[in-house]
Structure formats: C-alpha cells, structure tokens
Amino acid sequence: MRTEEIAKEVEKLGLSEKLILVEDIWDGIARNSGELSMPEWQKSELDKRYHEYKEGKLKLRDWEGVHEGIRHKKGH
C-alpha cells in the first residue's frame, strides 16, 4: 500500500482510532530505534555539549524561561 493510500484510509478513522494508530506506530519506532544510526557530526556535538555541561561552561535555562522566550519572539 502506498503512502497516499494509507493517508486516505487514516482519514476515514475516528479520532480515538487515529490516536491508537499513532501510539502503535510510535511503539514500533521505539522497538526499532536501535536500527537508526546517528551521524558522527551529531555524536561529536552531543559529546562536546555534555563535556561543557559537566564543566559548568553552559548557561542552562529552565523550560519556563525557554517557553517564555519563544512566546516573546512570536509577538515581534
């Protein structure tokens, strides 16, 4: 079945059925997440940031501050 055909079938489902389907899809992705490889540049960046975090070199912000900053930017 092609992606377009699947999308048409999904549109026929009720909201609760769609939510169950999404949950099943995410569960399937989680079971197979080990198959996804991370690019070397991304691994290096994460390692660098973790090292900076452990050394106290990063300025950390809580979620409320980040969220407020996003809302403030949207207003401009």
C-alpha atoms as a PDB file:
ATOM      1  CA  MET A   1       0.000   0.000   0.000  1.00  0.00           C
ATOM      2  CA  ARG A   2       1.374   3.424  -0.950  1.00  0.00           C
ATOM      3  CA  THR A   3       1.664   6.333   1.451  1.00  0.00           C
ATOM      4  CA  GLU A   4      -1.149   8.234  -0.230  1.00  0.00           C
ATOM      5  CA  GLU A   5      -3.482   5.253   0.085  1.00  0.00           C
ATOM      6  CA  ILE A   6      -2.614   4.834   3.743  1.00  0.00           C
ATOM      7  CA  ALA A   7      -3.297   8.529   4.388  1.00  0.00           C
ATOM      8  CA  LYS A   8      -6.728   8.226   2.764  1.00  0.00           C
ATOM      9  CA  GLU A   9      -7.563   5.220   4.934  1.00  0.00           C
ATOM     10  CA  VAL A  10      -6.363   7.001   8.070  1.00  0.00           C
ATOM     11  CA  GLU A  11      -8.645   9.953   7.262  1.00  0.00           C
ATOM     12  CA  LYS A  12     -11.607   7.585   7.472  1.00  0.00           C
ATOM     13  CA  LEU A  13     -10.782   6.690  11.095  1.00  0.00           C
ATOM     14  CA  GLY A  14     -12.277   8.330  14.137  1.00  0.00           C
ATOM     15  CA  LEU A  15     -10.121  10.359  16.497  1.00  0.00           C
ATOM     16  CA  SER A  16      -9.720   7.582  19.070  1.00  0.00           C
ATOM     17  CA  GLU A  17      -8.726   5.116  16.348  1.00  0.00           C
ATOM     18  CA  LYS A  18      -6.168   7.599  14.993  1.00  0.00           C
ATOM     19  CA  LEU A  19      -4.683   8.056  18.454  1.00  0.00           C
ATOM     20  CA  ILE A  20      -4.360   4.286  18.908  1.00  0.00           C
ATOM     21  CA  LEU A  21      -2.735   4.025  15.493  1.00  0.00           C
ATOM     22  CA  VAL A  22      -0.237   6.774  16.322  1.00  0.00           C
ATOM     23  CA  GLU A  23       0.588   5.057  19.605  1.00  0.00           C
ATOM     24  CA  ASP A  24       1.161   1.773  17.779  1.00  0.00           C
ATOM     25  CA  ILE A  25       3.399   3.497  15.236  1.00  0.00           C
ATOM     26  CA  TRP A  26       5.476   5.173  17.976  1.00  0.00           C
ATOM     27  CA  ASP A  27       5.790   1.871  19.830  1.00  0.00           C
ATOM     28  CA  GLY A  28       7.061   0.263  16.630  1.00  0.00           C
ATOM     29  CA  ILE A  29       9.576   3.059  16.127  1.00  0.00           C
ATOM     30  CA  ALA A  30      10.768   2.709  19.724  1.00  0.00           C
ATOM     31  CA  ARG A  31      11.253  -1.044  19.315  1.00  0.00           C
ATOM     32  CA  ASN A  32      13.406  -0.447  16.238  1.00  0.00           C
ATOM     33  CA  SER A  33      15.195   2.725  17.344  1.00  0.00           C
ATOM     34  CA  GLY A  34      18.461   0.831  17.705  1.00  0.00           C
ATOM     35  CA  GLU A  35      18.490   0.472  13.943  1.00  0.00           C
ATOM     36  CA  LEU A  36      18.809   4.236  13.489  1.00  0.00           C
ATOM     37  CA  SER A  37      22.355   5.440  13.295  1.00  0.00           C
ATOM     38  CA  MET A  38      23.413   8.866  14.468  1.00  0.00           C
ATOM     39  CA  PRO A  39      25.730  10.809  12.162  1.00  0.00           C
ATOM     40  CA  GLU A  40      29.250  11.250  13.506  1.00  0.00           C
ATOM     41  CA  TRP A  41      28.925  15.060  13.486  1.00  0.00           C
ATOM     42  CA  GLN A  42      25.876  14.789  15.740  1.00  0.00           C
ATOM     43  CA  LYS A  43      27.634  12.419  18.149  1.00  0.00           C
ATOM     44  CA  SER A  44      30.579  14.811  18.314  1.00  0.00           C
ATOM     45  CA  GLU A  45      28.339  17.789  19.005  1.00  0.00           C
ATOM     46  CA  LEU A  46      26.465  15.958  21.755  1.00  0.00           C
ATOM     47  CA  ASP A  47      29.746  14.838  23.340  1.00  0.00           C
ATOM     48  CA  LYS A  48      31.080  18.393  23.208  1.00  0.00           C
ATOM     49  CA  ARG A  49      27.923  19.845  24.801  1.00  0.00           C
ATOM     50  CA  TYR A  50      27.870  17.165  27.507  1.00  0.00           C
ATOM     51  CA  HIS A  51      31.508  17.865  28.325  1.00  0.00           C
ATOM     52  CA  GLU A  52      30.795  21.624  28.522  1.00  0.00           C
ATOM     53  CA  TYR A  53      27.792  20.898  30.747  1.00  0.00           C
ATOM     54  CA  LYS A  54      29.860  18.752  33.118  1.00  0.00           C
ATOM     55  CA  GLU A  55      32.477  21.522  33.352  1.00  0.00           C
ATOM     56  CA  GLY A  56      29.798  24.134  34.108  1.00  0.00           C
ATOM     57  CA  LYS A  57      30.520  26.073  30.917  1.00  0.00           C
ATOM     58  CA  LEU A  58      26.962  26.052  29.603  1.00  0.00           C
ATOM     59  CA  LYS A  59      24.274  28.504  30.601  1.00  0.00           C
ATOM     60  CA  LEU A  60      21.235  26.363  31.404  1.00  0.00           C
ATOM     61  CA  ARG A  61      17.649  27.589  31.315  1.00  0.00           C
ATOM     62  CA  ASP A  62      14.517  26.001  32.687  1.00  0.00           C
ATOM     63  CA  TRP A  63      11.579  25.148  30.456  1.00  0.00           C
ATOM     64  CA  GLU A  64       9.507  28.106  31.640  1.00  0.00           C
ATOM     65  CA  GLY A  65      12.241  30.526  30.573  1.00  0.00           C
ATOM     66  CA  VAL A  66      12.644  28.874  27.191  1.00  0.00           C
ATOM     67  CA  HIS A  67       8.891  28.838  26.637  1.00  0.00           C
ATOM     68  CA  GLU A  68       8.575  32.497  27.597  1.00  0.00           C
ATOM     69  CA  GLY A  69      11.386  33.402  25.183  1.00  0.00           C
ATOM     70  CA  ILE A  70       9.610  31.612  22.346  1.00  0.00           C
ATOM     71  CA  ARG A  71       6.329  33.367  23.116  1.00  0.00           C
ATOM     72  CA  HIS A  72       8.107  36.716  23.284  1.00  0.00           C
ATOM     73  CA  LYS A  73       9.739  36.154  19.869  1.00  0.00           C
ATOM     74  CA  LYS A  74       6.382  35.246  18.309  1.00  0.00           C
ATOM     75  CA  GLY A  75       4.971  38.597  19.429  1.00  0.00           C
ATOM     76  CA  HIS A  76       7.533  40.517  17.341  1.00  0.00           C
END
